[in-house]
Amino acid sequence: MFAFTIRRLLASIPVLFFSTLLVFLLVASSVDPLEPLRAKNPPVPHQTLVALGTRLGLYHPLLQRYWDWLTGLVLHGNWGTPVQPGYHIAARLSSSFLVTFRLVIFSIFCSLALAIAVGVFSAVRQYSKMDYVATSIGFLFLSLPTFWFAALLKAWAIQFNSAVSPDHALIDTIGEASPNPPSGFFPQLGDAFGHLLLPTITLSLISYASWSRFQRASMLEVLNSDYIRLARAKGLSRRRVLFRHALRNALMPLTTQVALDTAALLGGAVITETVFEWHGMGYMFLQAVGNYDLFPLLAWLIVAALLVIVFNLIADLLYAVLDPRIRLA
C-alpha cells in the first residue's frame, strides 16, 4: 500500500503541472489586471500603470512569466506578486482554507451519517411508505438551488431572531465569527456553533440528497448479489448479513462520490460562503476574479487540485479496507 501511495503521488505531479500551466495561459492571455485602473476617472497616470505592469511582470512572454512563478513557488515558496499591495497570498490562503475546512468537515459528517442511514433503510424497506417519503425528500433537496435554499434559511433565521430574541441573535446569519467574540471556552464554542449552523445545514442537506440516492442504489445491488444469498443460506443473522457483508461493500461507490464532493467543497463553497458572508476559499476565489488577480487564483487552483488528488487517493486506499478482494500492489 505504501508503494501504491508513492506511485499515485508521483503520477499526480504532471497533472498538477499541466493544470496550473493551462489556467495560467488562459487567464493571463484573456484578462488585464490594469484594466480597472485604466477605466478610472480621473485616469491613472501612465507612469503608474507602467510601474505596476513592470512589478507584475506583464511585459514578459507568457511562458517566461509562468516559469518565473513556478520556480519562485517551488524554490522559495513565493506565490507570486498580487495586484493589491499588502495582499499576502500565503496568509490569506491558510486563513481561508481553515474557514472553509471547518464548515465542510461538519457538513460532511452530518450529511454522510444521514445519507448512509436513509440509504440503507430505503434499500432494506424498498417500495415501502418510508422509502417513498425518503426518496421524495431526497429529490426535493436535490432540485433546490443552493443559493435559494441558503437565502431562505437566512431569511427564516432573521425572522426567528426578531420574534424570539430581538436584542440578541440566537442564530447568526453573517460571517464565520462574531466581530467581538465572547471570552471563555463555552461561550466561544456557542458562538462558533451559531455561525456554523445555517451554512452546515445548507451544505449537508444538498449533499445528503445525492449521497442517499447513491447509497440506496448501491445497497440494492449488493442485497441482490449471490454472496448475500449464500450468507443468508448459511444461517447468518439478518443483522450480520446486512452490516458485516452488505453495507461494507455498498459503501464503495459512495466513497468515490464523497471524496470528489469533499475536494470540490473544500476548494470553495462559493455560493454558500457568499450568502452567509464567510471569508473562506470561495471568497478568495471571487475576490481574485473580481480584481483580475492571477496569482491568488493560481493559489486557489493548486489547493483545489491537491485536494482532489489527496481525496481520490484516500478513496482508493479505503477500497482496500472496505473490500478485502482489492489489493493495492
Protein backbone atom coordinates (compact mmCIF):
# COMPACT_ATOMS: atom_id res chain seq x y z
CA MET A 1 0.00 0.00 0.00
CA PHE A 2 2.92 2.36 0.71
CA ALA A 3 4.35 1.78 -2.78
CA PHE A 4 0.90 2.35 -4.30
CA THR A 5 0.59 5.65 -2.43
CA ILE A 6 4.01 6.84 -3.61
CA ARG A 7 3.23 5.94 -7.23
CA ARG A 8 -0.07 7.80 -7.13
CA LEU A 9 1.54 10.88 -5.64
CA LEU A 10 4.31 10.87 -8.25
CA ALA A 11 1.80 10.40 -11.06
CA SER A 12 -0.18 13.40 -9.81
CA ILE A 13 2.75 15.80 -10.28
CA PRO A 14 2.37 16.08 -14.10
CA VAL A 15 -1.40 16.52 -13.67
CA LEU A 16 -0.84 19.39 -11.25
CA PHE A 17 1.80 20.94 -13.52
CA PHE A 18 -0.34 20.90 -16.68
CA SER A 19 -3.43 22.16 -14.84
CA THR A 20 -1.57 25.19 -13.49
CA LEU A 21 0.03 25.81 -16.90
CA LEU A 22 -3.32 25.67 -18.67
CA VAL A 23 -5.03 28.00 -16.20
CA PHE A 24 -2.09 30.42 -16.26
CA LEU A 25 -2.09 30.65 -20.06
CA LEU A 26 -5.88 31.02 -20.28
CA VAL A 27 -6.21 33.64 -17.55
CA ALA A 28 -3.04 35.60 -18.31
CA SER A 29 -3.88 35.87 -22.00
CA SER A 30 -7.54 36.82 -21.51
CA VAL A 31 -7.55 39.35 -18.66
CA ASP A 32 -5.61 42.52 -17.98
CA PRO A 33 -5.00 43.37 -14.28
CA LEU A 34 -4.50 47.03 -15.26
CA GLU A 35 -7.93 47.33 -16.91
CA PRO A 36 -9.76 48.55 -13.75
CA LEU A 37 -7.13 51.27 -13.32
CA ARG A 38 -7.42 52.39 -16.95
CA ALA A 39 -11.18 52.77 -16.54
CA LYS A 40 -10.90 55.10 -13.57
CA ASN A 41 -11.94 58.73 -13.79
CA PRO A 42 -9.77 60.77 -13.42
CA PRO A 43 -7.37 58.47 -15.28
CA VAL A 44 -4.40 56.94 -13.52
CA PRO A 45 -1.05 58.37 -14.69
CA HIS A 46 0.69 56.36 -17.38
CA GLN A 47 3.86 56.09 -15.29
CA THR A 48 1.86 54.41 -12.50
CA LEU A 49 0.44 51.87 -14.92
CA VAL A 50 3.89 51.11 -16.34
CA ALA A 51 5.36 50.69 -12.86
CA LEU A 52 2.57 48.32 -11.81
CA GLY A 53 2.85 46.34 -15.05
CA THR A 54 6.60 46.02 -14.50
CA ARG A 55 6.06 44.85 -10.91
CA LEU A 56 3.58 42.21 -12.09
CA GLY A 57 5.81 41.11 -14.97
CA LEU A 58 3.15 41.83 -17.58
CA TYR A 59 5.70 42.82 -20.23
CA HIS A 60 7.38 39.40 -20.32
CA PRO A 61 6.27 36.50 -22.54
CA LEU A 62 3.61 34.23 -21.03
CA LEU A 63 5.84 31.16 -20.76
CA GLN A 64 8.56 33.17 -19.05
CA ARG A 65 6.02 34.59 -16.59
CA TYR A 66 4.80 31.09 -15.83
CA TRP A 67 8.33 29.77 -15.37
CA ASP A 68 9.25 32.62 -13.06
CA TRP A 69 6.14 31.97 -10.96
CA LEU A 70 6.70 28.20 -10.88
CA THR A 71 10.37 28.41 -9.90
CA GLY A 72 9.62 31.04 -7.28
CA LEU A 73 6.93 28.85 -5.75
CA VAL A 74 8.93 25.61 -5.79
CA LEU A 75 12.29 27.04 -4.72
CA HIS A 76 11.29 29.90 -2.44
CA GLY A 77 7.65 29.36 -1.52
CA ASN A 78 6.71 32.62 -3.25
CA TRP A 79 3.11 32.50 -4.52
CA GLY A 80 3.62 35.47 -6.85
CA THR A 81 3.04 39.21 -6.82
CA PRO A 82 -0.61 40.17 -6.25
CA VAL A 83 -2.23 43.22 -7.77
CA GLN A 84 -3.18 44.71 -4.42
CA PRO A 85 -0.21 45.96 -2.36
CA GLY A 86 -0.01 44.38 1.07
CA TYR A 87 -2.00 41.31 -0.01
CA HIS A 88 -0.17 38.26 1.38
CA ILE A 89 -1.28 35.26 -0.64
CA ALA A 90 0.09 32.58 1.71
CA ALA A 91 -1.52 34.12 4.81
CA ARG A 92 -4.84 34.66 3.05
CA LEU A 93 -4.77 31.13 1.63
CA SER A 94 -4.16 29.49 5.01
CA SER A 95 -6.82 31.54 6.81
CA SER A 96 -9.37 31.00 4.01
CA PHE A 97 -8.70 27.27 3.93
CA LEU A 98 -9.21 26.89 7.69
CA VAL A 99 -12.53 28.74 7.50
CA THR A 100 -13.83 26.55 4.67
CA PHE A 101 -12.36 23.37 6.16
CA ARG A 102 -14.29 23.88 9.39
CA LEU A 103 -17.54 24.35 7.51
CA VAL A 104 -17.06 21.46 5.09
CA ILE A 105 -15.95 18.90 7.68
CA PHE A 106 -19.01 19.48 9.84
CA SER A 107 -21.24 19.31 6.76
CA ILE A 108 -19.62 16.11 5.51
CA PHE A 109 -20.07 14.27 8.81
CA CYS A 110 -23.71 15.32 9.11
CA SER A 111 -24.69 14.56 5.53
CA LEU A 112 -22.74 11.29 5.41
CA ALA A 113 -24.33 9.89 8.56
CA LEU A 114 -27.78 10.89 7.36
CA ALA A 115 -27.23 9.60 3.81
CA ILE A 116 -25.97 6.18 4.93
CA ALA A 117 -28.81 5.71 7.43
CA VAL A 118 -31.53 6.78 4.99
CA GLY A 119 -29.98 4.95 2.03
CA VAL A 120 -29.70 1.65 3.89
CA PHE A 121 -33.20 1.93 5.34
CA SER A 122 -34.69 2.77 1.94
CA ALA A 123 -32.95 -0.22 0.33
CA VAL A 124 -34.00 -2.67 3.04
CA ARG A 125 -37.57 -1.33 3.04
CA GLN A 126 -37.78 -0.93 -0.73
CA TYR A 127 -41.10 0.45 -2.04
CA SER A 128 -42.43 1.00 1.47
CA LYS A 129 -44.08 4.26 2.53
CA MET A 130 -40.89 5.38 4.27
CA ASP A 131 -38.91 4.62 1.13
CA TYR A 132 -41.21 6.82 -0.95
CA VAL A 133 -41.02 9.59 1.67
CA ALA A 134 -37.20 9.42 1.81
CA THR A 135 -36.99 9.39 -1.99
CA SER A 136 -39.30 12.40 -2.29
CA ILE A 137 -37.35 14.38 0.30
CA GLY A 138 -34.07 13.46 -1.39
CA PHE A 139 -35.25 14.62 -4.81
CA LEU A 140 -36.67 17.80 -3.24
CA PHE A 141 -33.31 18.82 -1.77
CA LEU A 142 -31.53 17.66 -4.92
CA SER A 143 -33.60 20.03 -7.04
CA LEU A 144 -33.26 23.06 -4.76
CA PRO A 145 -30.81 25.71 -5.97
CA THR A 146 -28.13 26.19 -3.35
CA PHE A 147 -28.30 29.99 -3.35
CA TRP A 148 -32.09 29.94 -2.97
CA PHE A 149 -32.04 27.42 -0.13
CA ALA A 150 -29.29 29.30 1.69
CA ALA A 151 -31.10 32.63 1.28
CA LEU A 152 -34.33 31.02 2.50
CA LEU A 153 -32.64 29.72 5.65
CA LYS A 154 -31.03 33.09 6.25
CA ALA A 155 -34.36 34.92 5.92
CA TRP A 156 -36.04 32.44 8.26
CA ALA A 157 -33.27 32.88 10.85
CA ILE A 158 -33.62 36.67 10.74
CA GLN A 159 -37.36 36.41 11.35
CA PHE A 160 -36.79 33.85 14.12
CA ASN A 161 -34.28 36.10 15.87
CA SER A 162 -36.62 39.09 15.63
CA ALA A 163 -39.53 37.14 17.10
CA VAL A 164 -37.73 35.23 19.85
CA SER A 165 -34.80 37.42 20.87
CA PRO A 166 -34.79 40.92 19.33
CA ASP A 167 -31.84 42.12 21.42
CA HIS A 168 -29.53 39.14 20.85
CA ALA A 169 -29.41 36.92 17.78
CA LEU A 170 -29.72 33.26 18.70
CA ILE A 171 -28.82 32.11 15.17
CA ASP A 172 -26.04 34.05 13.46
CA THR A 173 -26.56 34.80 9.79
CA ILE A 174 -23.44 36.80 8.83
CA GLY A 175 -19.79 35.86 8.96
CA GLU A 176 -17.84 32.91 10.27
CA ALA A 177 -17.32 34.51 13.70
CA SER A 178 -18.53 37.46 15.73
CA PRO A 179 -16.57 40.73 15.45
CA ASN A 180 -16.20 40.73 19.24
CA PRO A 181 -16.21 37.06 20.30
CA PRO A 182 -17.08 36.30 23.93
CA SER A 183 -14.46 35.24 26.43
CA GLY A 184 -14.35 31.72 27.81
CA PHE A 185 -14.31 28.31 26.18
CA PHE A 186 -18.04 27.51 26.24
CA PRO A 187 -19.20 31.00 25.14
CA GLN A 188 -16.74 30.84 22.23
CA LEU A 189 -17.94 27.33 21.39
CA GLY A 190 -21.53 28.55 21.35
CA ASP A 191 -20.58 31.49 19.15
CA ALA A 192 -18.81 29.18 16.67
CA PHE A 193 -21.79 26.81 16.62
CA GLY A 194 -24.21 29.68 15.99
CA HIS A 195 -22.27 30.77 12.92
CA LEU A 196 -21.84 27.20 11.67
CA LEU A 197 -25.47 26.18 11.96
CA LEU A 198 -27.08 27.60 8.83
CA PRO A 199 -24.18 27.04 6.36
CA THR A 200 -23.79 23.49 7.67
CA ILE A 201 -27.48 22.76 7.19
CA THR A 202 -27.31 24.14 3.65
CA LEU A 203 -24.34 22.05 2.54
CA SER A 204 -25.43 18.96 4.48
CA LEU A 205 -28.91 18.69 3.02
CA ILE A 206 -27.77 19.39 -0.53
CA SER A 207 -25.03 16.75 -0.27
CA TYR A 208 -27.28 14.30 1.57
CA ALA A 209 -29.81 14.34 -1.27
CA SER A 210 -27.41 12.87 -3.83
CA TRP A 211 -25.44 10.67 -1.44
CA SER A 212 -28.54 8.93 -0.10
CA ARG A 213 -29.52 8.03 -3.67
CA PHE A 214 -26.04 6.60 -4.28
CA GLN A 215 -26.21 4.60 -1.07
CA ARG A 216 -29.68 3.25 -1.79
CA ALA A 217 -28.81 2.14 -5.34
CA SER A 218 -25.56 0.53 -4.21
CA MET A 219 -27.22 -1.21 -1.29
CA LEU A 220 -29.95 -2.64 -3.53
CA GLU A 221 -27.36 -4.01 -5.94
CA VAL A 222 -25.41 -5.67 -3.12
CA LEU A 223 -28.51 -7.15 -1.46
CA ASN A 224 -29.38 -8.92 -4.72
CA SER A 225 -25.90 -10.39 -5.21
CA ASP A 226 -25.06 -14.09 -4.93
CA TYR A 227 -22.77 -13.89 -1.91
CA ILE A 228 -25.52 -12.22 0.13
CA ARG A 229 -27.88 -15.07 -0.76
CA LEU A 230 -25.16 -17.51 0.24
CA ALA A 231 -24.68 -15.76 3.58
CA ARG A 232 -28.39 -15.98 4.26
CA ALA A 233 -28.46 -19.64 3.24
CA LYS A 234 -25.65 -20.37 5.72
CA GLY A 235 -27.91 -19.19 8.50
CA LEU A 236 -26.21 -15.92 9.39
CA SER A 237 -28.35 -13.42 11.23
CA ARG A 238 -30.03 -10.66 9.26
CA ARG A 239 -28.11 -8.03 11.20
CA ARG A 240 -24.76 -9.67 10.45
CA VAL A 241 -25.54 -10.07 6.75
CA LEU A 242 -26.74 -6.51 6.47
CA PHE A 243 -23.96 -4.67 8.30
CA ARG A 244 -20.97 -7.02 8.05
CA HIS A 245 -21.32 -8.11 4.43
CA ALA A 246 -23.75 -5.88 2.52
CA LEU A 247 -23.08 -2.42 3.94
CA ARG A 248 -19.31 -2.74 3.76
CA ASN A 249 -19.33 -3.40 0.02
CA ALA A 250 -22.17 -0.96 -0.65
CA LEU A 251 -20.09 1.89 0.75
CA MET A 252 -17.54 1.71 -2.08
CA PRO A 253 -19.41 3.77 -4.74
CA LEU A 254 -20.35 6.31 -2.09
CA THR A 255 -16.70 6.57 -1.04
CA THR A 256 -15.73 7.79 -4.51
CA GLN A 257 -18.55 10.32 -4.63
CA VAL A 258 -17.80 11.66 -1.15
CA ALA A 259 -14.10 12.01 -1.99
CA LEU A 260 -14.84 14.05 -5.13
CA ASP A 261 -17.51 16.19 -3.47
CA THR A 262 -15.36 16.86 -0.40
CA ALA A 263 -12.48 18.06 -2.53
CA ALA A 264 -14.81 20.31 -4.52
CA LEU A 265 -16.39 21.76 -1.38
CA LEU A 266 -13.05 22.41 0.26
CA GLY A 267 -11.83 24.05 -2.92
CA GLY A 268 -14.50 26.66 -2.44
CA ALA A 269 -18.09 26.54 -1.26
CA VAL A 270 -18.56 29.73 -3.25
CA ILE A 271 -22.34 30.11 -3.16
CA THR A 272 -22.85 29.22 0.49
CA GLU A 273 -19.99 31.40 1.67
CA THR A 274 -21.27 34.32 -0.41
CA VAL A 275 -24.80 34.14 1.02
CA PHE A 276 -23.61 33.93 4.63
CA GLU A 277 -20.65 36.29 4.04
CA TRP A 278 -17.92 33.87 5.08
CA HIS A 279 -14.32 34.70 4.21
CA GLY A 280 -13.20 31.28 3.04
CA MET A 281 -11.91 29.75 -0.17
CA GLY A 282 -14.99 30.84 -2.09
CA TYR A 283 -14.50 34.47 -1.04
CA MET A 284 -10.83 34.29 -2.02
CA PHE A 285 -11.77 32.94 -5.45
CA LEU A 286 -14.37 35.63 -6.12
CA GLN A 287 -12.04 38.36 -4.92
CA ALA A 288 -9.27 37.16 -7.24
CA VAL A 289 -11.62 37.00 -10.22
CA GLY A 290 -13.07 40.43 -9.47
CA ASN A 291 -9.63 42.03 -9.24
CA TYR A 292 -8.23 40.21 -12.31
CA ASP A 293 -5.60 38.91 -9.89
CA LEU A 294 -3.86 35.91 -11.43
CA PHE A 295 -1.62 34.67 -8.63
CA PRO A 296 -4.25 34.33 -5.85
CA LEU A 297 -6.37 32.49 -8.41
CA LEU A 298 -3.48 30.11 -9.11
CA ALA A 299 -3.01 29.56 -5.36
CA TRP A 300 -6.70 28.67 -5.08
CA LEU A 301 -6.36 26.30 -8.05
CA ILE A 302 -3.35 24.49 -6.58
CA VAL A 303 -5.14 23.89 -3.28
CA ALA A 304 -8.26 22.67 -5.08
CA ALA A 305 -6.24 20.36 -7.36
CA LEU A 306 -4.23 18.98 -4.43
CA LEU A 307 -7.42 18.25 -2.54
CA VAL A 308 -8.86 16.35 -5.50
CA ILE A 309 -5.67 14.28 -5.74
CA VAL A 310 -5.47 13.61 -1.99
CA PHE A 311 -9.11 12.66 -1.56
CA ASN A 312 -9.05 10.39 -4.62
CA LEU A 313 -6.03 8.69 -3.09
CA ILE A 314 -7.89 8.31 0.21
CA ALA A 315 -10.81 6.78 -1.67
CA ASP A 316 -8.52 4.26 -3.37
CA LEU A 317 -6.97 3.29 -0.04
CA LEU A 318 -10.38 2.91 1.55
CA TYR A 319 -11.31 0.46 -1.19
CA ALA A 320 -8.74 -1.96 0.17
CA VAL A 321 -10.15 -1.54 3.66
CA LEU A 322 -13.78 -1.98 2.63
CA ASP A 323 -13.23 -4.85 0.18
CA PRO A 324 -10.50 -7.38 1.04
CA ARG A 325 -10.62 -8.66 -2.55
CA ILE A 326 -8.83 -5.50 -3.67
CA ARG A 327 -5.07 -5.50 -3.26
CA LEU A 328 -3.09 -2.34 -3.89
CA ALA A 329 0.15 -3.94 -5.00
